[in-house]
C-alpha cells in the first residue's frame, strides 16, 4: 500500500513540475527535492521489508538515507546555483537507479518484473549521467524535464509493484 501511495505522490509531483516549468525553475527544483525525499523514504521502506538477503536490504537503506540527505540539502539552500542543485539531484537519482538495478538483479521474481526494475534503474542512471556530464551545456529547464520524466517512471514502477504486491 505504501508503494502505491508514494508512487502516486511521485507521479503527481513529477507532472506538476512538467506542467509548471514556465512559472519558476526554482519552484520546480523544490518540488523535485520533495520527490527525492519521497523516493528516499521508499528505498528505506523497501530495505526494511525486503525479503531478500541482508546485504541488499542494507544497501537500500543506506541509499535511501543518502537520497533523503540530498533532498534536504536541495530544500535547505534554494537560492544556491540552480545548476549545482540539478547536479545534486542527479546524484540522488543516480543512487536511486543503482538501488533499483540491485533490486532487479537480486530479485527472484519473474523476468518481466526484474527487467522493469533494471530498466527503470538504467533510465535513472542514464538521465543522471547526462545531467552530471553536461550541467552547463543544457538549459536548467531541460534538465528538470529529464529528471521529472525519470521520477515519473520511478513512480509508475512503485505503483505497479505495490498493486502487484511485490
N, C-alpha and C. Protein backbone atom coordinates (compact mmCIF):
# COMPACT_ATOMS: atom_id res chain seq x y z
N UNK A 1 0.82 -1.19 0.00
CA UNK A 1 0.00 0.00 0.00
C UNK A 1 0.87 1.26 0.00
N UNK A 2 1.97 1.20 0.80
CA UNK A 2 2.86 2.36 0.88
C UNK A 2 3.46 2.70 -0.48
N UNK A 3 3.85 1.67 -1.23
CA UNK A 3 4.42 1.92 -2.56
C UNK A 3 3.41 2.57 -3.49
N UNK A 4 2.14 2.19 -3.39
CA UNK A 4 1.11 2.79 -4.25
C UNK A 4 0.98 4.27 -3.92
N UNK A 5 0.93 4.60 -2.63
CA UNK A 5 0.79 5.99 -2.22
C UNK A 5 2.02 6.80 -2.61
N UNK A 6 3.19 6.28 -2.30
CA UNK A 6 4.43 7.01 -2.63
C UNK A 6 4.59 7.14 -4.14
N UNK A 7 4.27 6.08 -4.88
CA UNK A 7 4.33 6.15 -6.33
C UNK A 7 3.38 7.20 -6.88
N UNK A 8 2.18 7.27 -6.32
CA UNK A 8 1.21 8.28 -6.74
C UNK A 8 1.69 9.69 -6.46
N UNK A 9 2.29 9.88 -5.30
CA UNK A 9 2.84 11.20 -4.95
C UNK A 9 3.96 11.57 -5.93
N UNK A 10 4.83 10.62 -6.21
CA UNK A 10 5.93 10.86 -7.15
C UNK A 10 5.41 11.24 -8.53
N UNK A 11 4.40 10.53 -9.00
CA UNK A 11 3.80 10.82 -10.31
C UNK A 11 3.17 12.21 -10.31
N UNK A 12 2.38 12.52 -9.30
CA UNK A 12 1.69 13.82 -9.24
C UNK A 12 2.69 14.96 -9.19
N UNK A 13 3.71 14.85 -8.34
CA UNK A 13 4.70 15.92 -8.23
C UNK A 13 5.52 16.05 -9.52
N UNK A 14 5.86 14.93 -10.15
CA UNK A 14 6.60 14.99 -11.41
C UNK A 14 5.77 15.68 -12.49
N UNK A 15 4.49 15.36 -12.57
CA UNK A 15 3.61 16.01 -13.55
C UNK A 15 3.45 17.49 -13.24
N UNK A 16 3.38 17.84 -11.95
CA UNK A 16 3.27 19.25 -11.57
C UNK A 16 4.49 20.02 -12.06
N UNK A 17 5.66 19.43 -11.95
CA UNK A 17 6.88 20.08 -12.43
C UNK A 17 6.83 20.22 -13.95
N UNK A 18 6.44 19.17 -14.63
CA UNK A 18 6.41 19.20 -16.10
C UNK A 18 5.45 20.25 -16.64
N UNK A 19 4.34 20.47 -15.94
CA UNK A 19 3.34 21.41 -16.44
C UNK A 19 3.48 22.82 -15.87
N UNK A 20 4.45 23.05 -15.00
CA UNK A 20 4.60 24.39 -14.44
C UNK A 20 6.01 24.95 -14.62
N UNK A 21 6.72 24.50 -15.63
CA UNK A 21 8.09 24.98 -15.83
C UNK A 21 8.17 26.48 -16.07
N UNK A 22 7.16 27.02 -16.73
CA UNK A 22 7.22 28.44 -17.05
C UNK A 22 7.12 29.31 -15.81
N UNK A 23 6.52 28.80 -14.74
CA UNK A 23 6.35 29.62 -13.54
C UNK A 23 7.67 29.86 -12.83
N UNK A 24 8.43 28.81 -12.62
CA UNK A 24 9.68 29.02 -11.90
C UNK A 24 10.50 27.73 -11.87
N UNK A 25 11.73 27.85 -12.31
CA UNK A 25 12.64 26.71 -12.22
C UNK A 25 12.94 26.40 -10.75
N UNK A 26 13.05 27.43 -9.95
CA UNK A 26 13.32 27.22 -8.53
C UNK A 26 12.20 26.42 -7.87
N UNK A 27 10.97 26.76 -8.19
CA UNK A 27 9.83 26.00 -7.65
C UNK A 27 9.90 24.56 -8.12
N UNK A 28 10.25 24.38 -9.39
CA UNK A 28 10.37 23.02 -9.93
C UNK A 28 11.45 22.24 -9.17
N UNK A 29 12.56 22.89 -8.89
CA UNK A 29 13.62 22.20 -8.15
C UNK A 29 13.18 21.86 -6.73
N UNK A 30 12.43 22.73 -6.10
CA UNK A 30 11.92 22.43 -4.76
C UNK A 30 10.95 21.25 -4.79
N UNK A 31 10.08 21.22 -5.82
CA UNK A 31 9.15 20.09 -5.94
C UNK A 31 9.93 18.80 -6.19
N UNK A 32 10.96 18.88 -7.04
CA UNK A 32 11.78 17.70 -7.28
C UNK A 32 12.49 17.24 -6.01
N UNK A 33 12.88 18.17 -5.16
CA UNK A 33 13.51 17.76 -3.91
C UNK A 33 12.52 17.02 -3.02
N UNK A 34 11.26 17.39 -3.08
CA UNK A 34 10.22 16.66 -2.34
C UNK A 34 10.07 15.26 -2.93
N UNK A 35 10.12 15.17 -4.26
CA UNK A 35 10.05 13.85 -4.91
C UNK A 35 11.23 13.00 -4.46
N UNK A 36 12.42 13.60 -4.38
CA UNK A 36 13.59 12.86 -3.89
C UNK A 36 13.37 12.37 -2.46
N UNK A 37 12.80 13.21 -1.64
CA UNK A 37 12.51 12.82 -0.27
C UNK A 37 11.59 11.60 -0.25
N UNK A 38 10.56 11.63 -1.08
CA UNK A 38 9.62 10.52 -1.17
C UNK A 38 10.33 9.26 -1.67
N UNK A 39 11.19 9.41 -2.69
CA UNK A 39 11.92 8.25 -3.21
C UNK A 39 12.89 7.68 -2.17
N UNK A 40 13.51 8.56 -1.39
CA UNK A 40 14.39 8.09 -0.32
C UNK A 40 13.63 7.29 0.72
N UNK A 41 12.45 7.77 1.08
CA UNK A 41 11.61 7.05 2.04
C UNK A 41 11.22 5.69 1.47
N UNK A 42 10.91 5.66 0.19
CA UNK A 42 10.54 4.39 -0.45
C UNK A 42 11.70 3.41 -0.44
N UNK A 43 12.92 3.88 -0.70
CA UNK A 43 14.09 2.99 -0.69
C UNK A 43 14.31 2.43 0.71
N UNK A 44 14.14 3.26 1.73
CA UNK A 44 14.32 2.79 3.10
C UNK A 44 13.24 1.76 3.44
N UNK A 45 11.99 2.05 3.08
CA UNK A 45 10.92 1.09 3.38
C UNK A 45 11.12 -0.21 2.62
N UNK A 46 11.61 -0.12 1.38
CA UNK A 46 11.90 -1.34 0.62
C UNK A 46 13.00 -2.14 1.30
N UNK A 47 13.99 -1.45 1.84
CA UNK A 47 15.07 -2.14 2.53
C UNK A 47 14.63 -2.78 3.83
N UNK A 48 13.69 -2.14 4.50
CA UNK A 48 13.22 -2.67 5.79
C UNK A 48 12.36 -3.92 5.57
N UNK A 49 11.49 -3.90 4.58
CA UNK A 49 10.56 -5.01 4.39
C UNK A 49 10.97 -5.99 3.30
N UNK A 50 12.11 -5.75 2.66
CA UNK A 50 12.54 -6.59 1.55
C UNK A 50 12.85 -8.01 2.03
N UNK A 51 12.31 -9.02 1.34
CA UNK A 51 12.55 -10.39 1.77
C UNK A 51 13.87 -10.96 1.25
N UNK A 52 14.73 -10.12 0.67
CA UNK A 52 15.98 -10.59 0.10
C UNK A 52 17.07 -10.65 1.17
N UNK A 53 18.29 -10.86 0.73
CA UNK A 53 19.38 -11.01 1.67
C UNK A 53 19.67 -9.72 2.44
N UNK A 54 20.41 -9.87 3.51
CA UNK A 54 20.68 -8.76 4.43
C UNK A 54 21.47 -7.65 3.74
N UNK A 55 22.38 -8.01 2.83
CA UNK A 55 23.20 -7.01 2.15
C UNK A 55 22.36 -6.10 1.26
N UNK A 56 21.43 -6.66 0.49
CA UNK A 56 20.55 -5.86 -0.36
C UNK A 56 19.69 -4.94 0.48
N UNK A 57 19.22 -5.44 1.60
CA UNK A 57 18.41 -4.61 2.50
C UNK A 57 19.23 -3.43 3.01
N UNK A 58 20.46 -3.69 3.42
CA UNK A 58 21.32 -2.63 3.95
C UNK A 58 21.65 -1.60 2.87
N UNK A 59 21.94 -2.08 1.66
CA UNK A 59 22.25 -1.15 0.54
C UNK A 59 21.06 -0.24 0.28
N UNK A 60 19.85 -0.76 0.26
CA UNK A 60 18.66 0.05 0.03
C UNK A 60 18.46 1.08 1.13
N UNK A 61 18.68 0.69 2.36
CA UNK A 61 18.51 1.62 3.47
C UNK A 61 19.55 2.74 3.40
N UNK A 62 20.80 2.39 3.14
CA UNK A 62 21.86 3.41 3.06
C UNK A 62 21.62 4.34 1.87
N UNK A 63 21.25 3.78 0.72
CA UNK A 63 20.97 4.63 -0.44
C UNK A 63 19.75 5.52 -0.18
N UNK A 64 18.75 4.99 0.49
CA UNK A 64 17.58 5.80 0.84
C UNK A 64 17.96 6.96 1.74
N UNK A 65 18.82 6.71 2.70
CA UNK A 65 19.29 7.79 3.58
C UNK A 65 20.08 8.83 2.80
N UNK A 66 20.90 8.38 1.85
CA UNK A 66 21.67 9.32 1.02
C UNK A 66 20.74 10.17 0.15
N UNK A 67 19.72 9.55 -0.41
CA UNK A 67 18.76 10.28 -1.24
C UNK A 67 18.03 11.32 -0.39
N UNK A 68 17.64 10.94 0.82
CA UNK A 68 16.97 11.89 1.72
C UNK A 68 17.91 13.04 2.09
N UNK A 69 19.17 12.73 2.34
CA UNK A 69 20.14 13.78 2.67
C UNK A 69 20.27 14.78 1.51
N UNK A 70 20.36 14.28 0.28
CA UNK A 70 20.43 15.17 -0.88
C UNK A 70 19.15 16.00 -1.00
N UNK A 71 18.02 15.39 -0.73
CA UNK A 71 16.75 16.10 -0.80
C UNK A 71 16.70 17.25 0.20
N UNK A 72 17.13 16.98 1.41
CA UNK A 72 17.13 18.02 2.45
C UNK A 72 18.08 19.14 2.06
N UNK A 73 19.22 18.80 1.49
CA UNK A 73 20.16 19.81 1.02
C UNK A 73 19.53 20.69 -0.05
N UNK A 74 18.79 20.07 -0.97
CA UNK A 74 18.10 20.83 -2.01
C UNK A 74 17.06 21.79 -1.42
N UNK A 75 16.34 21.33 -0.40
CA UNK A 75 15.31 22.17 0.21
C UNK A 75 15.91 23.29 1.06
N UNK A 76 17.04 23.02 1.68
CA UNK A 76 17.63 23.97 2.61
C UNK A 76 18.26 25.17 1.90
N UNK A 77 18.81 24.99 0.70
CA UNK A 77 19.52 26.06 0.00
C UNK A 77 18.91 26.33 -1.37
N UNK A 78 17.68 26.84 -1.44
CA UNK A 78 17.01 27.04 -2.73
C UNK A 78 17.62 28.15 -3.58
N UNK A 79 18.34 29.07 -2.96
CA UNK A 79 18.92 30.17 -3.71
C UNK A 79 20.24 29.75 -4.36
N UNK A 80 20.83 28.70 -3.87
CA UNK A 80 22.10 28.20 -4.40
C UNK A 80 22.00 28.01 -5.90
N UNK A 81 23.10 28.07 -6.57
CA UNK A 81 23.11 27.99 -8.04
C UNK A 81 22.28 26.80 -8.53
N UNK A 82 21.33 27.07 -9.43
CA UNK A 82 20.41 26.03 -9.87
C UNK A 82 21.12 24.89 -10.59
N UNK A 83 22.18 25.16 -11.27
CA UNK A 83 22.90 24.06 -11.93
C UNK A 83 23.52 23.12 -10.92
N UNK A 84 24.00 23.64 -9.80
CA UNK A 84 24.55 22.79 -8.75
C UNK A 84 23.44 21.95 -8.13
N UNK A 85 22.28 22.55 -7.92
CA UNK A 85 21.15 21.81 -7.38
C UNK A 85 20.73 20.67 -8.29
N UNK A 86 20.76 20.93 -9.58
CA UNK A 86 20.39 19.90 -10.54
C UNK A 86 21.40 18.75 -10.49
N UNK A 87 22.68 19.09 -10.37
CA UNK A 87 23.70 18.04 -10.28
C UNK A 87 23.52 17.22 -9.01
N UNK A 88 23.23 17.87 -7.89
CA UNK A 88 22.98 17.14 -6.65
C UNK A 88 21.76 16.23 -6.81
N UNK A 89 20.72 16.76 -7.44
CA UNK A 89 19.54 15.93 -7.71
C UNK A 89 19.88 14.76 -8.61
N UNK A 90 20.74 15.00 -9.58
CA UNK A 90 21.15 13.92 -10.49
C UNK A 90 21.93 12.84 -9.75
N UNK A 91 22.76 13.24 -8.79
CA UNK A 91 23.49 12.25 -7.99
C UNK A 91 22.51 11.41 -7.18
N UNK A 92 21.50 12.04 -6.60
CA UNK A 92 20.49 11.29 -5.85
C UNK A 92 19.72 10.35 -6.79
N UNK A 93 19.43 10.83 -7.99
CA UNK A 93 18.76 9.97 -8.97
C UNK A 93 19.66 8.81 -9.36
N UNK A 94 20.96 9.06 -9.46
CA UNK A 94 21.93 8.00 -9.75
C UNK A 94 21.89 6.94 -8.65
N UNK A 95 21.87 7.37 -7.40
CA UNK A 95 21.79 6.42 -6.28
C UNK A 95 20.50 5.62 -6.32
N UNK A 96 19.41 6.29 -6.66
CA UNK A 96 18.13 5.59 -6.78
C UNK A 96 18.18 4.55 -7.90
N UNK A 97 18.79 4.92 -9.03
CA UNK A 97 18.93 3.99 -10.15
C UNK A 97 19.77 2.78 -9.78
N UNK A 98 20.85 3.01 -9.04
CA UNK A 98 21.70 1.90 -8.59
C UNK A 98 20.90 0.97 -7.69
N UNK A 99 20.12 1.54 -6.79
CA UNK A 99 19.31 0.72 -5.89
C UNK A 99 18.30 -0.13 -6.67
N UNK A 100 17.70 0.44 -7.69
CA UNK A 100 16.72 -0.32 -8.49
C UNK A 100 17.39 -1.45 -9.26
N UNK A 101 18.57 -1.20 -9.79
CA UNK A 101 19.28 -2.26 -10.52
C UNK A 101 19.68 -3.38 -9.56
N UNK A 102 20.14 -3.01 -8.38
CA UNK A 102 20.48 -4.03 -7.37
C UNK A 102 19.24 -4.85 -7.01
N UNK A 103 18.10 -4.17 -6.83
CA UNK A 103 16.86 -4.90 -6.54
C UNK A 103 16.50 -5.84 -7.67
N UNK A 104 16.61 -5.35 -8.92
CA UNK A 104 16.27 -6.19 -10.06
C UNK A 104 17.21 -7.37 -10.22
N UNK A 105 18.49 -7.14 -10.00
CA UNK A 105 19.47 -8.21 -10.15
C UNK A 105 19.34 -9.27 -9.06
N UNK A 106 18.96 -8.84 -7.85
CA UNK A 106 18.86 -9.79 -6.75
C UNK A 106 17.46 -10.38 -6.58
N UNK A 107 16.50 -9.89 -7.36
CA UNK A 107 15.12 -10.36 -7.23
C UNK A 107 14.96 -11.77 -7.79
N UNK A 108 14.13 -12.53 -7.15
CA UNK A 108 13.83 -13.89 -7.62
C UNK A 108 12.47 -13.94 -8.31
N UNK A 109 11.93 -12.76 -8.64
CA UNK A 109 10.63 -12.67 -9.29
C UNK A 109 10.76 -12.99 -10.78
N UNK A 110 9.65 -12.84 -11.49
CA UNK A 110 9.61 -13.15 -12.91
C UNK A 110 10.55 -12.26 -13.71
N UNK A 111 10.88 -12.70 -14.91
CA UNK A 111 11.78 -11.95 -15.78
C UNK A 111 11.26 -10.57 -16.11
N UNK A 112 9.94 -10.43 -16.30
CA UNK A 112 9.36 -9.12 -16.62
C UNK A 112 9.53 -8.15 -15.46
N UNK A 113 9.29 -8.61 -14.26
CA UNK A 113 9.44 -7.76 -13.08
C UNK A 113 10.89 -7.32 -12.92
N UNK A 114 11.82 -8.26 -13.07
CA UNK A 114 13.24 -7.93 -12.96
C UNK A 114 13.65 -6.96 -14.05
N UNK A 115 13.16 -7.19 -15.27
CA UNK A 115 13.50 -6.30 -16.38
C UNK A 115 12.97 -4.89 -16.14
N UNK A 116 11.78 -4.80 -15.55
CA UNK A 116 11.19 -3.49 -15.25
C UNK A 116 12.05 -2.74 -14.23
N UNK A 117 12.46 -3.43 -13.17
CA UNK A 117 13.31 -2.80 -12.16
C UNK A 117 14.64 -2.35 -12.77
N UNK A 118 15.26 -3.22 -13.52
CA UNK A 118 16.56 -2.90 -14.12
C UNK A 118 16.40 -1.80 -15.16
N UNK A 119 15.32 -1.82 -15.93
CA UNK A 119 15.09 -0.78 -16.95
C UNK A 119 14.90 0.59 -16.35
N UNK A 120 14.09 0.68 -15.29
CA UNK A 120 13.88 1.98 -14.62
C UNK A 120 15.18 2.45 -13.98
N UNK A 121 15.92 1.52 -13.41
CA UNK A 121 17.22 1.88 -12.82
C UNK A 121 18.19 2.39 -13.88
N UNK A 122 18.22 1.72 -15.03
CA UNK A 122 19.10 2.16 -16.12
C UNK A 122 18.69 3.53 -16.64
N UNK A 123 17.38 3.76 -16.76
CA UNK A 123 16.90 5.08 -17.20
C UNK A 123 17.34 6.16 -16.20
N UNK A 124 17.19 5.88 -14.93
CA UNK A 124 17.60 6.83 -13.90
C UNK A 124 19.10 7.12 -13.97
N UNK A 125 19.89 6.09 -14.15
CA UNK A 125 21.34 6.27 -14.25
C UNK A 125 21.71 7.04 -15.51
N UNK A 126 21.08 6.72 -16.64
CA UNK A 126 21.38 7.41 -17.89
C UNK A 126 21.05 8.89 -17.80
N UNK A 127 19.89 9.21 -17.25
CA UNK A 127 19.49 10.61 -17.12
C UNK A 127 20.44 11.34 -16.17
N UNK A 128 20.77 10.71 -15.06
CA UNK A 128 21.67 11.37 -14.11
C UNK A 128 23.06 11.55 -14.71
N UNK A 129 23.54 10.60 -15.48
CA UNK A 129 24.86 10.73 -16.12
C UNK A 129 24.86 11.89 -17.11
N UNK A 130 23.79 12.04 -17.86
CA UNK A 130 23.69 13.15 -18.81
C UNK A 130 23.74 14.49 -18.08
N UNK A 131 23.02 14.59 -16.98
CA UNK A 131 22.99 15.83 -16.21
C UNK A 131 24.36 16.12 -15.59
N UNK A 132 25.00 15.11 -15.03
CA UNK A 132 26.30 15.30 -14.39
C UNK A 132 27.37 15.65 -15.42
N UNK A 133 27.30 15.03 -16.60
CA UNK A 133 28.32 15.26 -17.63
C UNK A 133 28.23 16.66 -18.23
N UNK A 134 27.05 17.19 -18.40
CA UNK A 134 26.87 18.49 -19.06
C UNK A 134 25.95 19.41 -18.25
N UNK A 135 26.33 19.79 -17.04
CA UNK A 135 25.42 20.61 -16.24
C UNK A 135 25.19 22.00 -16.82
N UNK A 136 26.16 22.54 -17.54
CA UNK A 136 26.01 23.87 -18.10
C UNK A 136 25.69 23.82 -19.59
N UNK A 137 25.88 22.68 -20.22
CA UNK A 137 25.65 22.55 -21.65
C UNK A 137 24.18 22.51 -22.02
N UNK A 138 23.34 22.19 -21.09
CA UNK A 138 21.91 22.12 -21.34
C UNK A 138 21.21 23.16 -20.47
N UNK A 139 20.07 23.59 -20.92
CA UNK A 139 19.30 24.52 -20.09
C UNK A 139 18.80 23.83 -18.85
N UNK A 140 18.70 24.58 -17.76
CA UNK A 140 18.23 24.01 -16.49
C UNK A 140 16.83 23.46 -16.65
N UNK A 141 16.02 24.12 -17.44
CA UNK A 141 14.64 23.63 -17.64
C UNK A 141 14.65 22.25 -18.29
N UNK A 142 15.52 22.06 -19.27
CA UNK A 142 15.60 20.76 -19.94
C UNK A 142 16.04 19.68 -18.95
N UNK A 143 16.97 20.01 -18.09
CA UNK A 143 17.43 19.04 -17.10
C UNK A 143 16.32 18.68 -16.12
N UNK A 144 15.56 19.68 -15.72
CA UNK A 144 14.44 19.42 -14.81
C UNK A 144 13.41 18.52 -15.49
N UNK A 145 13.17 18.74 -16.78
CA UNK A 145 12.23 17.89 -17.51
C UNK A 145 12.73 16.45 -17.54
N UNK A 146 14.00 16.24 -17.84
CA UNK A 146 14.54 14.88 -17.88
C UNK A 146 14.44 14.19 -16.53
N UNK A 147 14.79 14.90 -15.48
CA UNK A 147 14.71 14.31 -14.14
C UNK A 147 13.26 14.03 -13.77
N UNK A 148 12.35 14.92 -14.15
CA UNK A 148 10.93 14.70 -13.86
C UNK A 148 10.42 13.44 -14.54
N UNK A 149 10.85 13.22 -15.78
CA UNK A 149 10.43 12.02 -16.50
C UNK A 149 10.95 10.76 -15.80
N UNK A 150 12.20 10.80 -15.34
CA UNK A 150 12.75 9.66 -14.61
C UNK A 150 12.00 9.43 -13.30
N UNK A 151 11.66 10.51 -12.59
CA UNK A 151 10.88 10.37 -11.35
C UNK A 151 9.48 9.84 -11.66
N UNK A 152 8.90 10.27 -12.77
CA UNK A 152 7.59 9.77 -13.18
C UNK A 152 7.67 8.25 -13.38
N UNK A 153 8.72 7.81 -14.10
CA UNK A 153 8.90 6.38 -14.33
C UNK A 153 9.09 5.63 -13.01
N UNK A 154 9.83 6.23 -12.08
CA UNK A 154 10.01 5.60 -10.77
C UNK A 154 8.67 5.49 -10.04
N UNK A 155 7.84 6.53 -10.15
CA UNK A 155 6.53 6.50 -9.52
C UNK A 155 5.63 5.41 -10.11
N UNK A 156 5.66 5.29 -11.43
CA UNK A 156 4.89 4.22 -12.09
C UNK A 156 5.37 2.87 -11.63
N UNK A 157 6.69 2.71 -11.56
CA UNK A 157 7.25 1.44 -11.11
C UNK A 157 6.79 1.12 -9.69
N UNK A 158 6.84 2.10 -8.79
CA UNK A 158 6.41 1.87 -7.41
C UNK A 158 4.94 1.48 -7.35
N UNK A 159 4.11 2.14 -8.14
CA UNK A 159 2.68 1.81 -8.14
C UNK A 159 2.44 0.40 -8.67
N UNK A 160 3.12 0.03 -9.75
CA UNK A 160 2.97 -1.31 -10.31
C UNK A 160 3.39 -2.36 -9.29
N UNK A 161 4.54 -2.12 -8.63
CA UNK A 161 5.00 -3.07 -7.63
C UNK A 161 4.03 -3.14 -6.44
N UNK A 162 3.48 -2.01 -6.06
CA UNK A 162 2.51 -2.00 -4.97
C UNK A 162 1.22 -2.72 -5.32
N UNK A 163 0.74 -2.49 -6.54
CA UNK A 163 -0.51 -3.12 -6.98
C UNK A 163 -0.34 -4.63 -7.11
N UNK A 164 0.84 -5.06 -7.63
CA UNK A 164 1.08 -6.49 -7.81
C UNK A 164 1.61 -7.14 -6.53
N UNK A 165 1.69 -6.35 -5.44
CA UNK A 165 2.11 -6.86 -4.12
C UNK A 165 3.53 -7.42 -4.12
N UNK A 166 4.45 -6.75 -4.79
CA UNK A 166 5.84 -7.22 -4.81
C UNK A 166 6.71 -6.32 -4.01
